[in-house]
Amino acid sequence: MSTLQPVPWETPGPLTGPIGVPLVDLLDRVLSTGVVISGDLVIAIADVPLVRLSLHALLSSVSDRVPAPWPDSGPL
């Protein structure tokens, strides 16, 4: 039984195996730049749409250096 080793990012030639990205690095990159998740779900019977759900979400980190866009403590 052979175990697969992740291929490092700095490989000079073509990639020949799975690429490994640590979850911490991926999470750091997503929170530092932000990510938008968007999707639609349509429930239909006999090609007649009955229900449509839309999802739009923004994931980003919060920083003390960036002021809030509202003057008081926020919408909550």
PDB file of N, CA and C in Angstrom:
ATOM      1  N   MET A   1       0.846  -1.162   0.000  1.00  0.00           N
ATOM      2  CA  MET A   1       0.000   0.000   0.000  1.00  0.00           C
ATOM      3  C   MET A   1       0.903   1.239   0.000  1.00  0.00           C
ATOM      4  N   SER A   2       0.700   2.144  -0.953  1.00  0.00           N
ATOM      5  CA  SER A   2       1.524   3.352  -1.017  1.00  0.00           C
ATOM      6  C   SER A   2       0.714   4.542  -0.506  1.00  0.00           C
ATOM      7  N   THR A   3       1.418   5.452   0.146  1.00  0.00           N
ATOM      8  CA  THR A   3       0.770   6.668   0.631  1.00  0.00           C
ATOM      9  C   THR A   3       1.139   7.822  -0.291  1.00  0.00           C
ATOM     10  N   LEU A   4       0.170   8.646  -0.620  1.00  0.00           N
ATOM     11  CA  LEU A   4       0.394   9.790  -1.497  1.00  0.00           C
ATOM     12  C   LEU A   4       0.909  10.961  -0.682  1.00  0.00           C
ATOM     13  N   GLN A   5       1.951  11.603  -1.165  1.00  0.00           N
ATOM     14  CA  GLN A   5       2.510  12.783  -0.530  1.00  0.00           C
ATOM     15  C   GLN A   5       2.079  14.008  -1.323  1.00  0.00           C
ATOM     16  N   PRO A   6       1.692  15.107  -0.647  1.00  0.00           N
ATOM     17  CA  PRO A   6       1.316  16.320  -1.368  1.00  0.00           C
ATOM     18  C   PRO A   6       2.513  16.900  -2.117  1.00  0.00           C
ATOM     19  N   VAL A   7       2.219  17.482  -3.262  1.00  0.00           N
ATOM     20  CA  VAL A   7       3.251  18.108  -4.087  1.00  0.00           C
ATOM     21  C   VAL A   7       3.463  19.530  -3.582  1.00  0.00           C
ATOM     22  N   PRO A   8       4.711  19.957  -3.337  1.00  0.00           N
ATOM     23  CA  PRO A   8       4.939  21.336  -2.879  1.00  0.00           C
ATOM     24  C   PRO A   8       4.596  22.344  -3.965  1.00  0.00           C
ATOM     25  N   TRP A   9       4.258  23.573  -3.542  1.00  0.00           N
ATOM     26  CA  TRP A   9       3.863  24.627  -4.487  1.00  0.00           C
ATOM     27  C   TRP A   9       5.012  25.061  -5.378  1.00  0.00           C
ATOM     28  N   GLU A  10       6.251  24.989  -4.918  1.00  0.00           N
ATOM     29  CA  GLU A  10       7.383  25.519  -5.668  1.00  0.00           C
ATOM     30  C   GLU A  10       8.020  24.480  -6.588  1.00  0.00           C
ATOM     31  N   THR A  11       7.262  23.529  -7.100  1.00  0.00           N
ATOM     32  CA  THR A  11       7.803  22.520  -7.996  1.00  0.00           C
ATOM     33  C   THR A  11       8.117  23.156  -9.352  1.00  0.00           C
ATOM     34  N   PRO A  12       9.355  23.013  -9.864  1.00  0.00           N
ATOM     35  CA  PRO A  12       9.694  23.652 -11.137  1.00  0.00           C
ATOM     36  C   PRO A  12       9.028  22.994 -12.342  1.00  0.00           C
ATOM     37  N   GLY A  13       8.754  21.715 -12.291  1.00  0.00           N
ATOM     38  CA  GLY A  13       8.165  21.006 -13.424  1.00  0.00           C
ATOM     39  C   GLY A  13       6.657  20.904 -13.301  1.00  0.00           C
ATOM     40  N   PRO A  14       6.044  20.104 -14.176  1.00  0.00           N
ATOM     41  CA  PRO A  14       4.595  19.917 -14.098  1.00  0.00           C
ATOM     42  C   PRO A  14       4.219  19.137 -12.840  1.00  0.00           C
ATOM     43  N   LEU A  15       3.029  19.401 -12.338  1.00  0.00           N
ATOM     44  CA  LEU A  15       2.557  18.733 -11.129  1.00  0.00           C
ATOM     45  C   LEU A  15       2.109  17.317 -11.465  1.00  0.00           C
ATOM     46  N   THR A  16       2.478  16.366 -10.612  1.00  0.00           N
ATOM     47  CA  THR A  16       2.157  14.976 -10.889  1.00  0.00           C
ATOM     48  C   THR A  16       1.372  14.318  -9.763  1.00  0.00           C
ATOM     49  N   GLY A  17       0.960  15.038  -8.758  1.00  0.00           N
ATOM     50  CA  GLY A  17       0.249  14.443  -7.640  1.00  0.00           C
ATOM     51  C   GLY A  17      -0.713  15.431  -7.026  1.00  0.00           C
ATOM     52  N   PRO A  18      -1.316  15.059  -5.900  1.00  0.00           N
ATOM     53  CA  PRO A  18      -2.241  15.992  -5.242  1.00  0.00           C
ATOM     54  C   PRO A  18      -1.495  17.188  -4.674  1.00  0.00           C
ATOM     55  N   ILE A  19      -2.141  18.336  -4.709  1.00  0.00           N
ATOM     56  CA  ILE A  19      -1.544  19.564  -4.187  1.00  0.00           C
ATOM     57  C   ILE A  19      -2.052  19.762  -2.767  1.00  0.00           C
ATOM     58  N   GLY A  20      -1.139  19.927  -1.827  1.00  0.00           N
ATOM     59  CA  GLY A  20      -1.532  20.099  -0.439  1.00  0.00           C
ATOM     60  C   GLY A  20      -1.531  21.553  -0.032  1.00  0.00           C
ATOM     61  N   VAL A  21      -2.633  22.013   0.551  1.00  0.00           N
ATOM     62  CA  VAL A  21      -2.731  23.369   1.087  1.00  0.00           C
ATOM     63  C   VAL A  21      -3.181  23.228   2.535  1.00  0.00           C
ATOM     64  N   PRO A  22      -2.379  23.683   3.477  1.00  0.00           N
ATOM     65  CA  PRO A  22      -2.813  23.608   4.871  1.00  0.00           C
ATOM     66  C   PRO A  22      -4.073  24.435   5.086  1.00  0.00           C
ATOM     67  N   LEU A  23      -4.972  23.908   5.901  1.00  0.00           N
ATOM     68  CA  LEU A  23      -6.240  24.581   6.159  1.00  0.00           C
ATOM     69  C   LEU A  23      -6.031  25.946   6.800  1.00  0.00           C
ATOM     70  N   VAL A  24      -5.012  26.076   7.632  1.00  0.00           N
ATOM     71  CA  VAL A  24      -4.734  27.359   8.283  1.00  0.00           C
ATOM     72  C   VAL A  24      -4.345  28.408   7.248  1.00  0.00           C
ATOM     73  N   ASP A  25      -3.522  28.044   6.261  1.00  0.00           N
ATOM     74  CA  ASP A  25      -3.137  28.988   5.210  1.00  0.00           C
ATOM     75  C   ASP A  25      -4.333  29.391   4.359  1.00  0.00           C
ATOM     76  N   LEU A  26      -5.193  28.428   4.045  1.00  0.00           N
ATOM     77  CA  LEU A  26      -6.377  28.723   3.250  1.00  0.00           C
ATOM     78  C   LEU A  26      -7.320  29.654   4.012  1.00  0.00           C
ATOM     79  N   LEU A  27      -7.539  29.391   5.292  1.00  0.00           N
ATOM     80  CA  LEU A  27      -8.407  30.234   6.107  1.00  0.00           C
ATOM     81  C   LEU A  27      -7.831  31.632   6.264  1.00  0.00           C
ATOM     82  N   ASP A  28      -6.514  31.742   6.443  1.00  0.00           N
ATOM     83  CA  ASP A  28      -5.866  33.049   6.547  1.00  0.00           C
ATOM     84  C   ASP A  28      -6.041  33.843   5.264  1.00  0.00           C
ATOM     85  N   ARG A  29      -5.884  33.199   4.134  1.00  0.00           N
ATOM     86  CA  ARG A  29      -6.040  33.879   2.837  1.00  0.00           C
ATOM     87  C   ARG A  29      -7.476  34.348   2.620  1.00  0.00           C
ATOM     88  N   VAL A  30      -8.446  33.497   2.971  1.00  0.00           N
ATOM     89  CA  VAL A  30      -9.853  33.854   2.786  1.00  0.00           C
ATOM     90  C   VAL A  30     -10.241  35.013   3.691  1.00  0.00           C
ATOM     91  N   LEU A  31      -9.816  34.983   4.957  1.00  0.00           N
ATOM     92  CA  LEU A  31     -10.202  36.048   5.880  1.00  0.00           C
ATOM     93  C   LEU A  31      -9.466  37.354   5.615  1.00  0.00           C
ATOM     94  N   SER A  32      -8.256  37.294   5.061  1.00  0.00           N
ATOM     95  CA  SER A  32      -7.535  38.531   4.786  1.00  0.00           C
ATOM     96  C   SER A  32      -8.082  39.241   3.556  1.00  0.00           C
ATOM     97  N   THR A  33      -8.565  38.499   2.577  1.00  0.00           N
ATOM     98  CA  THR A  33      -9.094  39.120   1.362  1.00  0.00           C
ATOM     99  C   THR A  33     -10.611  39.135   1.327  1.00  0.00           C
ATOM    100  N   GLY A  34     -11.254  38.179   1.984  1.00  0.00           N
ATOM    101  CA  GLY A  34     -12.713  38.079   1.962  1.00  0.00           C
ATOM    102  C   GLY A  34     -13.167  37.179   0.820  1.00  0.00           C
ATOM    103  N   VAL A  35     -14.340  36.640   0.965  1.00  0.00           N
ATOM    104  CA  VAL A  35     -14.905  35.776  -0.063  1.00  0.00           C
ATOM    105  C   VAL A  35     -16.418  35.973  -0.068  1.00  0.00           C
ATOM    106  N   VAL A  36     -17.007  35.897  -1.258  1.00  0.00           N
ATOM    107  CA  VAL A  36     -18.451  36.010  -1.421  1.00  0.00           C
ATOM    108  C   VAL A  36     -18.979  34.662  -1.878  1.00  0.00           C
ATOM    109  N   ILE A  37     -19.998  34.177  -1.171  1.00  0.00           N
ATOM    110  CA  ILE A  37     -20.652  32.924  -1.545  1.00  0.00           C
ATOM    111  C   ILE A  37     -22.038  33.282  -2.049  1.00  0.00           C
ATOM    112  N   SER A  38     -22.363  32.795  -3.227  1.00  0.00           N
ATOM    113  CA  SER A  38     -23.646  33.119  -3.828  1.00  0.00           C
ATOM    114  C   SER A  38     -24.218  31.869  -4.486  1.00  0.00           C
ATOM    115  N   GLY A  39     -25.520  31.664  -4.339  1.00  0.00           N
ATOM    116  CA  GLY A  39     -26.134  30.496  -4.951  1.00  0.00           C
ATOM    117  C   GLY A  39     -27.643  30.618  -4.998  1.00  0.00           C
ATOM    118  N   ASP A  40     -28.256  29.813  -5.859  1.00  0.00           N
ATOM    119  CA  ASP A  40     -29.708  29.774  -6.010  1.00  0.00           C
ATOM    120  C   ASP A  40     -30.166  28.329  -5.949  1.00  0.00           C
ATOM    121  N   LEU A  41     -31.320  28.118  -5.337  1.00  0.00           N
ATOM    122  CA  LEU A  41     -31.942  26.811  -5.270  1.00  0.00           C
ATOM    123  C   LEU A  41     -33.380  26.963  -5.736  1.00  0.00           C
ATOM    124  N   VAL A  42     -33.753  26.204  -6.756  1.00  0.00           N
ATOM    125  CA  VAL A  42     -35.112  26.263  -7.289  1.00  0.00           C
ATOM    126  C   VAL A  42     -35.737  24.879  -7.149  1.00  0.00           C
ATOM    127  N   ILE A  43     -36.902  24.826  -6.485  1.00  0.00           N
ATOM    128  CA  ILE A  43     -37.657  23.585  -6.358  1.00  0.00           C
ATOM    129  C   ILE A  43     -38.793  23.659  -7.359  1.00  0.00           C
ATOM    130  N   ALA A  44     -38.810  22.657  -8.260  1.00  0.00           N
ATOM    131  CA  ALA A  44     -39.800  22.663  -9.333  1.00  0.00           C
ATOM    132  C   ALA A  44     -40.419  21.273  -9.470  1.00  0.00           C
ATOM    133  N   ILE A  45     -41.673  21.257  -9.877  1.00  0.00           N
ATOM    134  CA  ILE A  45     -42.369  20.011 -10.195  1.00  0.00           C
ATOM    135  C   ILE A  45     -42.904  20.150 -11.611  1.00  0.00           C
ATOM    136  N   ALA A  46     -42.560  19.177 -12.465  1.00  0.00           N
ATOM    137  CA  ALA A  46     -42.993  19.160 -13.870  1.00  0.00           C
ATOM    138  C   ALA A  46     -42.594  20.457 -14.564  1.00  0.00           C
ATOM    139  N   ASP A  47     -41.364  20.874 -14.358  1.00  0.00           N
ATOM    140  CA  ASP A  47     -40.804  22.091 -14.966  1.00  0.00           C
ATOM    141  C   ASP A  47     -41.552  23.367 -14.595  1.00  0.00           C
ATOM    142  N   VAL A  48     -42.270  23.347 -13.473  1.00  0.00           N
ATOM    143  CA  VAL A  48     -42.936  24.539 -12.960  1.00  0.00           C
ATOM    144  C   VAL A  48     -42.233  24.930 -11.660  1.00  0.00           C
ATOM    145  N   PRO A  49     -41.496  26.051 -11.662  1.00  0.00           N
ATOM    146  CA  PRO A  49     -40.796  26.460 -10.440  1.00  0.00           C
ATOM    147  C   PRO A  49     -41.784  26.848  -9.344  1.00  0.00           C
ATOM    148  N   LEU A  50     -41.629  26.235  -8.166  1.00  0.00           N
ATOM    149  CA  LEU A  50     -42.516  26.513  -7.046  1.00  0.00           C
ATOM    150  C   LEU A  50     -41.860  27.405  -6.000  1.00  0.00           C
ATOM    151  N   VAL A  51     -40.597  27.126  -5.677  1.00  0.00           N
ATOM    152  CA  VAL A  51     -39.889  27.862  -4.639  1.00  0.00           C
ATOM    153  C   VAL A  51     -38.502  28.209  -5.144  1.00  0.00           C
ATOM    154  N   ARG A  52     -38.084  29.450  -4.904  1.00  0.00           N
ATOM    155  CA  ARG A  52     -36.725  29.867  -5.250  1.00  0.00           C
ATOM    156  C   ARG A  52     -36.076  30.472  -4.017  1.00  0.00           C
ATOM    157  N   LEU A  53     -34.916  29.938  -3.659  1.00  0.00           N
ATOM    158  CA  LEU A  53     -34.142  30.452  -2.541  1.00  0.00           C
ATOM    159  C   LEU A  53     -32.833  31.003  -3.067  1.00  0.00           C
ATOM    160  N   SER A  54     -32.493  32.207  -2.656  1.00  0.00           N
ATOM    161  CA  SER A  54     -31.228  32.822  -3.050  1.00  0.00           C
ATOM    162  C   SER A  54     -30.366  33.009  -1.824  1.00  0.00           C
ATOM    163  N   LEU A  55     -29.079  32.721  -1.958  1.00  0.00           N
ATOM    164  CA  LEU A  55     -28.136  32.876  -0.857  1.00  0.00           C
ATOM    165  C   LEU A  55     -27.001  33.778  -1.313  1.00  0.00           C
ATOM    166  N   HIS A  56     -26.741  34.811  -0.531  1.00  0.00           N
ATOM    167  CA  HIS A  56     -25.611  35.698  -0.773  1.00  0.00           C
ATOM    168  C   HIS A  56     -24.954  35.948   0.584  1.00  0.00           C
ATOM    169  N   ALA A  57     -23.695  35.550   0.727  1.00  0.00           N
ATOM    170  CA  ALA A  57     -22.995  35.705   2.003  1.00  0.00           C
ATOM    171  C   ALA A  57     -21.608  36.277   1.751  1.00  0.00           C
ATOM    172  N   LEU A  58     -21.168  37.127   2.659  1.00  0.00           N
ATOM    173  CA  LEU A  58     -19.831  37.712   2.608  1.00  0.00           C
ATOM    174  C   LEU A  58     -19.081  37.287   3.859  1.00  0.00           C
ATOM    175  N   LEU A  59     -17.934  36.657   3.679  1.00  0.00           N
ATOM    176  CA  LEU A  59     -17.077  36.262   4.792  1.00  0.00           C
ATOM    177  C   LEU A  59     -15.817  37.103   4.746  1.00  0.00           C
ATOM    178  N   SER A  60     -15.524  37.781   5.842  1.00  0.00           N
ATOM    179  CA  SER A  60     -14.345  38.624   5.905  1.00  0.00           C
ATOM    180  C   SER A  60     -13.951  38.805   7.361  1.00  0.00           C
ATOM    181  N   SER A  61     -12.740  39.247   7.586  1.00  0.00           N
ATOM    182  CA  SER A  61     -12.293  39.496   8.955  1.00  0.00           C
ATOM    183  C   SER A  61     -12.619  40.925   9.364  1.00  0.00           C
ATOM    184  N   VAL A  62     -12.607  41.164  10.667  1.00  0.00           N
ATOM    185  CA  VAL A  62     -12.894  42.480  11.217  1.00  0.00           C
ATOM    186  C   VAL A  62     -11.587  43.057  11.735  1.00  0.00           C
ATOM    187  N   SER A  63     -11.345  44.342  11.451  1.00  0.00           N
ATOM    188  CA  SER A  63     -10.113  44.984  11.875  1.00  0.00           C
ATOM    189  C   SER A  63     -10.436  46.270  12.626  1.00  0.00           C
ATOM    190  N   ASP A  64      -9.656  46.562  13.671  1.00  0.00           N
ATOM    191  CA  ASP A  64      -9.833  47.817  14.408  1.00  0.00           C
ATOM    192  C   ASP A  64      -9.338  49.016  13.605  1.00  0.00           C
ATOM    193  N   ARG A  65      -8.483  48.779  12.628  1.00  0.00           N
ATOM    194  CA  ARG A  65      -7.933  49.876  11.835  1.00  0.00           C
ATOM    195  C   ARG A  65      -8.930  50.433  10.834  1.00  0.00           C
ATOM    196  N   VAL A  66      -9.937  49.643  10.467  1.00  0.00           N
ATOM    197  CA  VAL A  66     -10.946  50.090   9.508  1.00  0.00           C
ATOM    198  C   VAL A  66     -12.171  50.542  10.290  1.00  0.00           C
ATOM    199  N   PRO A  67     -12.581  51.806  10.168  1.00  0.00           N
ATOM    200  CA  PRO A  67     -13.734  52.275  10.940  1.00  0.00           C
ATOM    201  C   PRO A  67     -15.027  51.655  10.424  1.00  0.00           C
ATOM    202  N   ALA A  68     -16.007  51.570  11.319  1.00  0.00           N
ATOM    203  CA  ALA A  68     -17.316  51.041  10.955  1.00  0.00           C
ATOM    204  C   ALA A  68     -18.038  52.045  10.056  1.00  0.00           C
ATOM    205  N   PRO A  69     -18.858  51.583   9.124  1.00  0.00           N
ATOM    206  CA  PRO A  69     -19.550  52.518   8.229  1.00  0.00           C
ATOM    207  C   PRO A  69     -20.742  53.214   8.887  1.00  0.00           C
ATOM    208  N   TRP A  70     -21.156  52.806  10.085  1.00  0.00           N
ATOM    209  CA  TRP A  70     -22.272  53.443  10.762  1.00  0.00           C
ATOM    210  C   TRP A  70     -21.751  54.249  11.954  1.00  0.00           C
ATOM    211  N   PRO A  71     -22.432  55.351  12.317  1.00  0.00           N
ATOM    212  CA  PRO A  71     -21.916  56.243  13.345  1.00  0.00           C
ATOM    213  C   PRO A  71     -22.058  55.692  14.771  1.00  0.00           C
ATOM    214  N   ASP A  72     -23.062  54.879  15.055  1.00  0.00           N
ATOM    215  CA  ASP A  72     -23.232  54.379  16.415  1.00  0.00           C
ATOM    216  C   ASP A  72     -22.574  53.010  16.554  1.00  0.00           C
ATOM    217  N   SER A  73     -23.001  52.220  17.491  1.00  0.00           N
ATOM    218  CA  SER A  73     -22.362  50.941  17.757  1.00  0.00           C
ATOM    219  C   SER A  73     -22.697  49.872  16.727  1.00  0.00           C
ATOM    220  N   GLY A  74     -23.592  50.146  15.816  1.00  0.00           N
ATOM    221  CA  GLY A  74     -23.911  49.189  14.772  1.00  0.00           C
ATOM    222  C   GLY A  74     -25.390  48.868  14.711  1.00  0.00           C
ATOM    223  N   PRO A  75     -25.764  48.036  13.758  1.00  0.00           N
ATOM    224  CA  PRO A  75     -27.190  47.757  13.554  1.00  0.00           C
ATOM    225  C   PRO A  75     -27.778  46.830  14.604  1.00  0.00           C
ATOM    226  N   LEU A  76     -26.956  46.192  15.436  1.00  0.00           N
ATOM    227  CA  LEU A  76     -27.508  45.239  16.400  1.00  0.00           C
ATOM    228  C   LEU A  76     -27.927  45.949  17.633  1.00  0.00           C
TER     229      LEU A  76
END
